[in-house]
Amino acid sequence: MFADEILLQIGALESSLADLYQWYSEILASDSEVSRVFSMMSEEEKTHASLVEYSRRLVRSDLAFSSEVEFEVAGIKAVLEKVLALRKTPVPPTADQAIQLTLWLEMTTADDHSRNRTSLKKGNPGLARLLKALASEDLVHFGRVMELARRRGIRVPASAGDSPDGEPLSIP
């Protein structure tokens, strides 16, 4: 896959998370703490999307980045599908559900960025560094939401592939 295509997918992921978190902030506005956390995360995801778009412009202007590299896009597509499904649910999630889902999304995305970064280190070190930075930010988000979950006594996912109950994550 070419760097421009990879960045297009990553940018779509960051933008979709920004939109989801903004929606969570709006639908959970009656809970000021939760709304504030999601609003802040939405703004940060928008910044990530802008960084990815800037990187795309650089890649398109430099032929050195035109070679194909190995990149697994299935994880990104799975998260994008999950976000789309979440936005289409007839009943918006509760604060607890939004927190649980966000933990899963952020850990899954961080794992995916880290896994792909490892395979890109030789083929495209610049893209590998971008993925490392994005994975780091995903872990910051995970930590922030994990702390919120702990304060509220909310069960959390054991790993990226698990729901808070250890079962595959289902959409409310």
N, C-alpha and C. Protein backbone atom coordinates (compact mmCIF):
# COMPACT_ATOMS: atom_id res chain seq x y z
N MET A 1 0.85 -1.16 0.00
CA MET A 1 0.00 0.00 0.00
C MET A 1 0.91 1.24 0.00
N PHE A 2 0.48 2.27 -0.68
CA PHE A 2 1.25 3.50 -0.75
C PHE A 2 0.96 4.41 0.45
N ALA A 3 1.94 5.21 0.82
CA ALA A 3 1.83 6.07 2.00
C ALA A 3 0.60 6.97 1.93
N ASP A 4 0.31 7.52 0.77
CA ASP A 4 -0.86 8.40 0.63
C ASP A 4 -2.15 7.67 0.98
N GLU A 5 -2.28 6.42 0.53
CA GLU A 5 -3.47 5.62 0.82
C GLU A 5 -3.55 5.32 2.33
N ILE A 6 -2.41 5.00 2.91
CA ILE A 6 -2.36 4.71 4.35
C ILE A 6 -2.81 5.94 5.14
N LEU A 7 -2.26 7.08 4.78
CA LEU A 7 -2.60 8.31 5.49
C LEU A 7 -4.06 8.69 5.29
N LEU A 8 -4.60 8.39 4.14
CA LEU A 8 -6.02 8.65 3.90
C LEU A 8 -6.87 7.84 4.88
N GLN A 9 -6.54 6.58 5.05
CA GLN A 9 -7.27 5.71 5.98
C GLN A 9 -7.11 6.19 7.43
N ILE A 10 -5.89 6.53 7.81
CA ILE A 10 -5.63 6.98 9.18
C ILE A 10 -6.37 8.30 9.44
N GLY A 11 -6.36 9.20 8.46
CA GLY A 11 -7.07 10.47 8.60
C GLY A 11 -8.56 10.26 8.77
N ALA A 12 -9.12 9.32 8.00
CA ALA A 12 -10.54 9.02 8.14
C ALA A 12 -10.85 8.49 9.54
N LEU A 13 -9.95 7.67 10.06
CA LEU A 13 -10.12 7.14 11.41
C LEU A 13 -10.11 8.26 12.45
N GLU A 14 -9.11 9.12 12.37
CA GLU A 14 -9.01 10.22 13.35
C GLU A 14 -10.21 11.15 13.26
N SER A 15 -10.66 11.46 12.05
CA SER A 15 -11.83 12.33 11.87
C SER A 15 -13.10 11.67 12.40
N SER A 16 -13.24 10.38 12.16
CA SER A 16 -14.46 9.70 12.64
C SER A 16 -14.48 9.64 14.16
N LEU A 17 -13.33 9.45 14.79
CA LEU A 17 -13.28 9.46 16.25
C LEU A 17 -13.60 10.87 16.78
N ALA A 18 -13.09 11.89 16.11
CA ALA A 18 -13.40 13.27 16.53
C ALA A 18 -14.91 13.50 16.47
N ASP A 19 -15.54 13.07 15.40
CA ASP A 19 -16.99 13.25 15.26
C ASP A 19 -17.76 12.46 16.32
N LEU A 20 -17.33 11.22 16.57
CA LEU A 20 -17.99 10.39 17.58
C LEU A 20 -17.89 11.04 18.95
N TYR A 21 -16.70 11.49 19.31
CA TYR A 21 -16.51 12.07 20.63
C TYR A 21 -17.27 13.40 20.78
N GLN A 22 -17.38 14.15 19.70
CA GLN A 22 -18.18 15.37 19.75
C GLN A 22 -19.65 15.02 19.98
N TRP A 23 -20.11 13.99 19.30
CA TRP A 23 -21.49 13.53 19.47
C TRP A 23 -21.70 13.08 20.92
N TYR A 24 -20.75 12.30 21.45
CA TYR A 24 -20.87 11.88 22.85
C TYR A 24 -20.94 13.10 23.76
N SER A 25 -20.12 14.09 23.51
CA SER A 25 -20.11 15.31 24.32
C SER A 25 -21.48 15.98 24.29
N GLU A 26 -22.10 15.99 23.13
CA GLU A 26 -23.40 16.64 22.98
C GLU A 26 -24.53 15.84 23.64
N ILE A 27 -24.55 14.53 23.40
CA ILE A 27 -25.67 13.74 23.93
C ILE A 27 -25.54 13.51 25.43
N LEU A 28 -24.34 13.70 25.96
CA LEU A 28 -24.11 13.51 27.39
C LEU A 28 -23.87 14.85 28.10
N ALA A 29 -24.37 15.91 27.51
CA ALA A 29 -24.14 17.27 28.03
C ALA A 29 -24.65 17.45 29.46
N SER A 30 -25.62 16.67 29.87
CA SER A 30 -26.14 16.81 31.24
C SER A 30 -25.13 16.32 32.29
N ASP A 31 -24.14 15.56 31.86
CA ASP A 31 -23.06 15.10 32.75
C ASP A 31 -21.82 15.90 32.37
N SER A 32 -21.61 17.01 33.07
CA SER A 32 -20.56 17.95 32.65
C SER A 32 -19.16 17.33 32.62
N GLU A 33 -18.85 16.44 33.55
CA GLU A 33 -17.51 15.84 33.55
C GLU A 33 -17.29 14.97 32.30
N VAL A 34 -18.24 14.13 32.00
CA VAL A 34 -18.13 13.25 30.83
C VAL A 34 -18.14 14.08 29.55
N SER A 35 -19.04 15.04 29.47
CA SER A 35 -19.13 15.89 28.29
C SER A 35 -17.82 16.62 28.04
N ARG A 36 -17.22 17.14 29.10
CA ARG A 36 -15.96 17.88 28.98
C ARG A 36 -14.83 16.97 28.47
N VAL A 37 -14.75 15.75 29.00
CA VAL A 37 -13.72 14.81 28.56
C VAL A 37 -13.88 14.49 27.08
N PHE A 38 -15.11 14.22 26.67
CA PHE A 38 -15.33 13.88 25.26
C PHE A 38 -15.11 15.09 24.35
N SER A 39 -15.46 16.26 24.79
CA SER A 39 -15.22 17.46 24.00
C SER A 39 -13.71 17.68 23.79
N MET A 40 -12.95 17.51 24.87
CA MET A 40 -11.50 17.67 24.77
C MET A 40 -10.90 16.61 23.83
N MET A 41 -11.37 15.39 23.95
CA MET A 41 -10.85 14.33 23.08
C MET A 41 -11.23 14.58 21.62
N SER A 42 -12.41 15.11 21.40
CA SER A 42 -12.81 15.44 20.03
C SER A 42 -11.86 16.46 19.42
N GLU A 43 -11.54 17.50 20.17
CA GLU A 43 -10.62 18.52 19.68
C GLU A 43 -9.23 17.93 19.40
N GLU A 44 -8.78 17.05 20.27
CA GLU A 44 -7.48 16.41 20.07
C GLU A 44 -7.48 15.52 18.84
N GLU A 45 -8.58 14.79 18.63
CA GLU A 45 -8.67 13.93 17.43
C GLU A 45 -8.70 14.79 16.16
N LYS A 46 -9.34 15.95 16.22
CA LYS A 46 -9.33 16.86 15.07
C LYS A 46 -7.90 17.32 14.77
N THR A 47 -7.14 17.58 15.83
CA THR A 47 -5.74 17.97 15.65
C THR A 47 -4.96 16.82 15.02
N HIS A 48 -5.22 15.60 15.46
CA HIS A 48 -4.54 14.44 14.87
C HIS A 48 -4.89 14.32 13.39
N ALA A 49 -6.16 14.50 13.06
CA ALA A 49 -6.59 14.42 11.66
C ALA A 49 -5.89 15.49 10.83
N SER A 50 -5.74 16.68 11.38
CA SER A 50 -5.03 17.76 10.66
C SER A 50 -3.56 17.41 10.45
N LEU A 51 -2.94 16.81 11.45
CA LEU A 51 -1.55 16.38 11.33
C LEU A 51 -1.41 15.31 10.24
N VAL A 52 -2.33 14.39 10.21
CA VAL A 52 -2.30 13.34 9.18
C VAL A 52 -2.50 13.96 7.80
N GLU A 53 -3.41 14.91 7.68
CA GLU A 53 -3.64 15.57 6.38
C GLU A 53 -2.40 16.34 5.95
N TYR A 54 -1.75 17.01 6.87
CA TYR A 54 -0.49 17.70 6.56
C TYR A 54 0.56 16.69 6.07
N SER A 55 0.63 15.57 6.73
CA SER A 55 1.57 14.52 6.31
C SER A 55 1.23 14.01 4.92
N ARG A 56 -0.04 13.90 4.61
CA ARG A 56 -0.45 13.49 3.26
C ARG A 56 0.04 14.48 2.21
N ARG A 57 -0.09 15.77 2.51
CA ARG A 57 0.38 16.78 1.55
C ARG A 57 1.89 16.65 1.34
N LEU A 58 2.63 16.40 2.41
CA LEU A 58 4.07 16.22 2.29
C LEU A 58 4.40 14.99 1.45
N VAL A 59 3.70 13.91 1.70
CA VAL A 59 3.93 12.66 0.98
C VAL A 59 3.65 12.84 -0.51
N ARG A 60 2.57 13.52 -0.82
CA ARG A 60 2.22 13.70 -2.25
C ARG A 60 3.22 14.59 -2.97
N SER A 61 3.95 15.43 -2.23
CA SER A 61 4.90 16.33 -2.88
C SER A 61 6.32 15.76 -2.94
N ASP A 62 6.53 14.58 -2.37
CA ASP A 62 7.87 14.00 -2.31
C ASP A 62 7.85 12.59 -2.90
N LEU A 63 8.48 12.42 -4.05
CA LEU A 63 8.50 11.12 -4.72
C LEU A 63 9.21 10.04 -3.91
N ALA A 64 10.02 10.44 -2.95
CA ALA A 64 10.71 9.45 -2.12
C ALA A 64 9.72 8.60 -1.32
N PHE A 65 8.51 9.11 -1.13
CA PHE A 65 7.51 8.37 -0.37
C PHE A 65 6.57 7.59 -1.28
N SER A 66 6.87 7.49 -2.55
CA SER A 66 5.94 6.86 -3.47
C SER A 66 6.07 5.34 -3.54
N SER A 67 7.01 4.76 -2.82
CA SER A 67 7.14 3.31 -2.86
C SER A 67 6.07 2.65 -2.00
N GLU A 68 5.76 1.42 -2.34
CA GLU A 68 4.77 0.67 -1.58
C GLU A 68 5.41 0.12 -0.31
N VAL A 69 4.61 0.08 0.75
CA VAL A 69 5.05 -0.49 2.01
C VAL A 69 3.97 -1.44 2.52
N GLU A 70 4.38 -2.33 3.39
CA GLU A 70 3.43 -3.27 3.96
C GLU A 70 2.67 -2.57 5.09
N PHE A 71 1.36 -2.67 5.02
CA PHE A 71 0.52 -2.01 6.02
C PHE A 71 -0.78 -2.78 6.12
N GLU A 72 -1.18 -3.11 7.33
CA GLU A 72 -2.43 -3.84 7.56
C GLU A 72 -3.54 -2.84 7.87
N VAL A 73 -4.49 -2.73 6.96
CA VAL A 73 -5.56 -1.74 7.10
C VAL A 73 -6.82 -2.32 7.74
N ALA A 74 -6.86 -3.61 7.99
CA ALA A 74 -8.07 -4.26 8.52
C ALA A 74 -8.47 -3.68 9.87
N GLY A 75 -7.51 -3.40 10.74
CA GLY A 75 -7.83 -2.84 12.05
C GLY A 75 -8.48 -1.48 11.95
N ILE A 76 -7.96 -0.65 11.06
CA ILE A 76 -8.53 0.68 10.86
C ILE A 76 -9.95 0.56 10.33
N LYS A 77 -10.14 -0.32 9.37
CA LYS A 77 -11.47 -0.50 8.79
C LYS A 77 -12.46 -1.02 9.84
N ALA A 78 -12.00 -1.91 10.72
CA ALA A 78 -12.88 -2.44 11.76
C ALA A 78 -13.33 -1.34 12.71
N VAL A 79 -12.40 -0.47 13.10
CA VAL A 79 -12.76 0.63 14.00
C VAL A 79 -13.68 1.61 13.28
N LEU A 80 -13.39 1.91 12.02
CA LEU A 80 -14.27 2.81 11.25
C LEU A 80 -15.69 2.24 11.17
N GLU A 81 -15.81 0.94 10.93
CA GLU A 81 -17.13 0.31 10.86
C GLU A 81 -17.83 0.38 12.22
N LYS A 82 -17.08 0.16 13.30
CA LYS A 82 -17.66 0.22 14.64
C LYS A 82 -18.17 1.64 14.93
N VAL A 83 -17.38 2.64 14.58
CA VAL A 83 -17.79 4.03 14.82
C VAL A 83 -19.05 4.35 14.01
N LEU A 84 -19.08 3.93 12.76
CA LEU A 84 -20.27 4.17 11.93
C LEU A 84 -21.49 3.49 12.54
N ALA A 85 -21.33 2.26 13.00
CA ALA A 85 -22.45 1.55 13.62
C ALA A 85 -22.90 2.25 14.90
N LEU A 86 -21.94 2.74 15.68
CA LEU A 86 -22.29 3.44 16.92
C LEU A 86 -23.12 4.69 16.63
N ARG A 87 -22.76 5.38 15.57
CA ARG A 87 -23.49 6.61 15.23
C ARG A 87 -24.90 6.31 14.71
N LYS A 88 -25.12 5.10 14.24
CA LYS A 88 -26.43 4.74 13.68
C LYS A 88 -27.36 4.08 14.70
N THR A 89 -26.90 3.90 15.91
CA THR A 89 -27.75 3.24 16.90
C THR A 89 -28.99 4.09 17.17
N PRO A 90 -30.15 3.44 17.29
CA PRO A 90 -31.38 4.20 17.51
C PRO A 90 -31.44 4.85 18.90
N VAL A 91 -30.76 4.25 19.86
CA VAL A 91 -30.75 4.80 21.22
C VAL A 91 -29.30 5.18 21.55
N PRO A 92 -29.05 6.45 21.83
CA PRO A 92 -27.68 6.86 22.16
C PRO A 92 -27.18 6.12 23.41
N PRO A 93 -25.89 5.96 23.52
CA PRO A 93 -25.34 5.24 24.68
C PRO A 93 -25.46 6.07 25.96
N THR A 94 -25.44 5.37 27.06
CA THR A 94 -25.34 6.03 28.36
C THR A 94 -23.90 6.48 28.54
N ALA A 95 -23.64 7.26 29.56
CA ALA A 95 -22.26 7.69 29.84
C ALA A 95 -21.37 6.48 30.08
N ASP A 96 -21.86 5.50 30.84
CA ASP A 96 -21.06 4.30 31.11
C ASP A 96 -20.73 3.56 29.81
N GLN A 97 -21.73 3.40 28.95
CA GLN A 97 -21.50 2.71 27.68
C GLN A 97 -20.51 3.49 26.81
N ALA A 98 -20.66 4.79 26.73
CA ALA A 98 -19.74 5.60 25.92
C ALA A 98 -18.32 5.48 26.45
N ILE A 99 -18.17 5.47 27.75
CA ILE A 99 -16.83 5.33 28.34
C ILE A 99 -16.25 3.96 28.01
N GLN A 100 -17.03 2.91 28.18
CA GLN A 100 -16.56 1.56 27.87
C GLN A 100 -16.18 1.42 26.39
N LEU A 101 -17.03 1.92 25.53
CA LEU A 101 -16.76 1.84 24.10
C LEU A 101 -15.51 2.64 23.72
N THR A 102 -15.35 3.79 24.33
CA THR A 102 -14.18 4.63 24.04
C THR A 102 -12.90 3.94 24.47
N LEU A 103 -12.92 3.30 25.61
CA LEU A 103 -11.74 2.56 26.04
C LEU A 103 -11.37 1.49 25.02
N TRP A 104 -12.36 0.77 24.55
CA TRP A 104 -12.11 -0.26 23.54
C TRP A 104 -11.57 0.37 22.25
N LEU A 105 -12.19 1.44 21.79
CA LEU A 105 -11.76 2.10 20.55
C LEU A 105 -10.32 2.60 20.65
N GLU A 106 -10.00 3.27 21.75
CA GLU A 106 -8.66 3.84 21.89
C GLU A 106 -7.59 2.76 22.02
N MET A 107 -7.86 1.70 22.78
CA MET A 107 -6.88 0.63 22.92
C MET A 107 -6.71 -0.12 21.60
N THR A 108 -7.80 -0.38 20.92
CA THR A 108 -7.73 -1.07 19.63
C THR A 108 -6.93 -0.24 18.63
N THR A 109 -7.18 1.05 18.59
CA THR A 109 -6.47 1.93 17.66
C THR A 109 -5.00 2.02 18.02
N ALA A 110 -4.67 2.15 19.30
CA ALA A 110 -3.27 2.21 19.72
C ALA A 110 -2.55 0.92 19.35
N ASP A 111 -3.19 -0.22 19.59
CA ASP A 111 -2.59 -1.51 19.23
C ASP A 111 -2.34 -1.59 17.73
N ASP A 112 -3.31 -1.16 16.95
CA ASP A 112 -3.18 -1.21 15.49
C ASP A 112 -2.06 -0.30 15.01
N HIS A 113 -1.99 0.92 15.52
CA HIS A 113 -0.91 1.85 15.13
C HIS A 113 0.45 1.27 15.51
N SER A 114 0.55 0.70 16.68
CA SER A 114 1.83 0.13 17.13
C SER A 114 2.25 -1.05 16.27
N ARG A 115 1.31 -1.92 15.96
CA ARG A 115 1.62 -3.09 15.12
C ARG A 115 2.08 -2.65 13.73
N ASN A 116 1.39 -1.70 13.14
CA ASN A 116 1.78 -1.23 11.81
C ASN A 116 3.09 -0.45 11.84
N ARG A 117 3.33 0.28 12.92
CA ARG A 117 4.56 1.04 13.04
C ARG A 117 5.77 0.12 12.97
N THR A 118 5.67 -1.01 13.63
CA THR A 118 6.77 -1.97 13.64
C THR A 118 7.09 -2.44 12.22
N SER A 119 6.07 -2.70 11.42
CA SER A 119 6.31 -3.18 10.06
C SER A 119 6.78 -2.07 9.13
N LEU A 120 6.60 -0.80 9.51
CA LEU A 120 6.98 0.33 8.65
C LEU A 120 8.37 0.89 8.96
N LYS A 121 8.99 0.46 10.04
CA LYS A 121 10.23 1.08 10.47
C LYS A 121 11.27 1.16 9.37
N LYS A 122 11.42 0.11 8.58
CA LYS A 122 12.41 0.12 7.49
C LYS A 122 11.85 0.72 6.21
N GLY A 123 10.62 0.40 5.88
CA GLY A 123 10.04 0.84 4.62
C GLY A 123 9.70 2.32 4.55
N ASN A 124 9.30 2.89 5.68
CA ASN A 124 8.92 4.29 5.71
C ASN A 124 9.05 4.80 7.15
N PRO A 125 10.28 5.16 7.55
CA PRO A 125 10.49 5.59 8.93
C PRO A 125 9.67 6.81 9.34
N GLY A 126 9.42 7.72 8.42
CA GLY A 126 8.62 8.90 8.74
C GLY A 126 7.20 8.53 9.12
N LEU A 127 6.61 7.65 8.35
CA LEU A 127 5.25 7.19 8.65
C LEU A 127 5.25 6.39 9.95
N ALA A 128 6.30 5.63 10.18
CA ALA A 128 6.40 4.87 11.43
C ALA A 128 6.43 5.82 12.63
N ARG A 129 7.15 6.94 12.51
CA ARG A 129 7.19 7.92 13.60
C ARG A 129 5.81 8.55 13.83
N LEU A 130 5.10 8.84 12.76
CA LEU A 130 3.75 9.39 12.90
C LEU A 130 2.84 8.40 13.63
N LEU A 131 2.91 7.13 13.26
CA LEU A 131 2.09 6.13 13.93
C LEU A 131 2.47 5.98 15.40
N LYS A 132 3.76 6.09 15.69
CA LYS A 132 4.20 6.03 17.09
C LYS A 132 3.58 7.18 17.88
N ALA A 133 3.59 8.37 17.31
CA ALA A 133 3.01 9.54 17.98
C ALA A 133 1.51 9.38 18.17
N LEU A 134 0.82 8.88 17.14
CA LEU A 134 -0.62 8.69 17.24
C LEU A 134 -0.96 7.61 18.27
N ALA A 135 -0.19 6.53 18.29
CA ALA A 135 -0.42 5.47 19.27
C ALA A 135 -0.22 6.02 20.68
N SER A 136 0.77 6.86 20.84
CA SER A 136 1.03 7.48 22.14
C SER A 136 -0.15 8.33 22.58
N GLU A 137 -0.70 9.10 21.66
CA GLU A 137 -1.87 9.92 21.96
C GLU A 137 -3.10 9.07 22.28
N ASP A 138 -3.24 7.94 21.56
CA ASP A 138 -4.34 7.03 21.86
C ASP A 138 -4.23 6.52 23.29
N LEU A 139 -3.02 6.23 23.72
CA LEU A 139 -2.83 5.75 25.08
C LEU A 139 -3.09 6.84 26.11
N VAL A 140 -2.80 8.09 25.76
CA VAL A 140 -3.16 9.21 26.64
C VAL A 140 -4.68 9.27 26.78
N HIS A 141 -5.39 9.14 25.66
CA HIS A 141 -6.85 9.15 25.71
C HIS A 141 -7.35 7.97 26.55
N PHE A 142 -6.77 6.81 26.32
CA PHE A 142 -7.17 5.62 27.07
C PHE A 142 -6.99 5.87 28.57
N GLY A 143 -5.85 6.42 28.94
CA GLY A 143 -5.58 6.69 30.35
C GLY A 143 -6.56 7.68 30.94
N ARG A 144 -6.87 8.72 30.19
CA ARG A 144 -7.82 9.73 30.67
C ARG A 144 -9.20 9.13 30.91
N VAL A 145 -9.65 8.32 29.95
CA VAL A 145 -10.97 7.72 30.07
C VAL A 145 -10.96 6.60 31.12
N MET A 146 -9.84 5.89 31.24
CA MET A 146 -9.72 4.85 32.27
C MET A 146 -9.84 5.48 33.66
N GLU A 147 -9.20 6.61 33.85
CA GLU A 147 -9.30 7.30 35.15
C GLU A 147 -10.74 7.72 35.41
N LEU A 148 -11.42 8.22 34.40
CA LEU A 148 -12.84 8.58 34.54
C LEU A 148 -13.66 7.35 34.91
N ALA A 149 -13.40 6.23 34.25
CA ALA A 149 -14.12 4.98 34.53
C ALA A 149 -13.87 4.53 35.97
N ARG A 150 -12.63 4.61 36.41
CA ARG A 150 -12.31 4.19 37.78
C ARG A 150 -13.04 5.06 38.81
N ARG A 151 -13.03 6.37 38.58
CA ARG A 151 -13.72 7.26 39.52
C ARG A 151 -15.20 6.94 39.62
N ARG A 152 -15.76 6.43 38.54
CA ARG A 152 -17.20 6.16 38.50
C ARG A 152 -17.53 4.69 38.76
N GLY A 153 -16.51 3.84 38.94
CA GLY A 153 -16.75 2.43 39.20
C GLY A 153 -17.27 1.67 38.00
N ILE A 154 -16.84 2.07 36.80
CA ILE A 154 -17.32 1.45 35.57
C ILE A 154 -16.37 0.31 35.19
N ARG A 155 -16.93 -0.83 34.83
CA ARG A 155 -16.13 -1.97 34.37
C ARG A 155 -15.48 -1.61 33.05
N VAL A 156 -14.26 -2.09 32.87
CA VAL A 156 -13.48 -1.71 31.69
C VAL A 156 -13.00 -2.94 30.94
N PRO A 157 -12.67 -2.78 29.64
CA PRO A 157 -12.21 -3.92 28.85
C PRO A 157 -10.85 -4.41 29.35
N ALA A 158 -10.67 -5.74 29.37
CA ALA A 158 -9.41 -6.33 29.79
C ALA A 158 -8.33 -6.16 28.73
N SER A 159 -8.73 -6.15 27.46
CA SER A 159 -7.78 -5.96 26.36
C SER A 159 -8.53 -5.35 25.19
N ALA A 160 -7.77 -5.06 24.14
CA ALA A 160 -8.37 -4.39 22.98
C ALA A 160 -9.47 -5.23 22.35
N GLY A 161 -9.35 -6.54 22.41
CA GLY A 161 -10.34 -7.39 21.76
C GLY A 161 -11.54 -7.71 22.62
N ASP A 162 -11.54 -7.25 23.86
CA ASP A 162 -12.61 -7.61 24.79
C ASP A 162 -13.53 -6.45 25.07
N SER A 163 -14.75 -6.79 25.37
CA SER A 163 -15.67 -5.80 25.91
C SER A 163 -15.41 -5.73 27.40
N PRO A 164 -16.03 -4.84 28.11
CA PRO A 164 -15.83 -4.77 29.56
C PRO A 164 -16.18 -6.09 30.26
N ASP A 165 -17.03 -6.92 29.67
CA ASP A 165 -17.43 -8.20 30.28
C ASP A 165 -16.62 -9.37 29.76
N GLY A 166 -15.59 -9.10 28.94
CA GLY A 166 -14.77 -10.17 28.40
C GLY A 166 -15.37 -10.83 27.17
N GLU A 167 -16.50 -10.34 26.72
CA GLU A 167 -17.15 -10.87 25.53
C GLU A 167 -16.83 -9.94 24.36
N PRO A 168 -16.99 -10.38 23.13
CA PRO A 168 -16.80 -9.47 22.00
C PRO A 168 -17.67 -8.24 22.17
N LEU A 169 -17.12 -7.09 21.87
CA LEU A 169 -17.84 -5.83 22.10
C LEU A 169 -19.07 -5.77 21.22
N SER A 170 -20.20 -5.52 21.84
CA SER A 170 -21.44 -5.37 21.09
C SER A 170 -21.88 -3.93 21.15
N ILE A 171 -22.59 -3.53 20.16
CA ILE A 171 -23.06 -2.15 20.07
C ILE A 171 -24.37 -2.05 20.82
N PRO A 172 -24.50 -1.06 21.70
CA PRO A 172 -25.74 -0.93 22.48
C PRO A 172 -26.94 -0.64 21.60
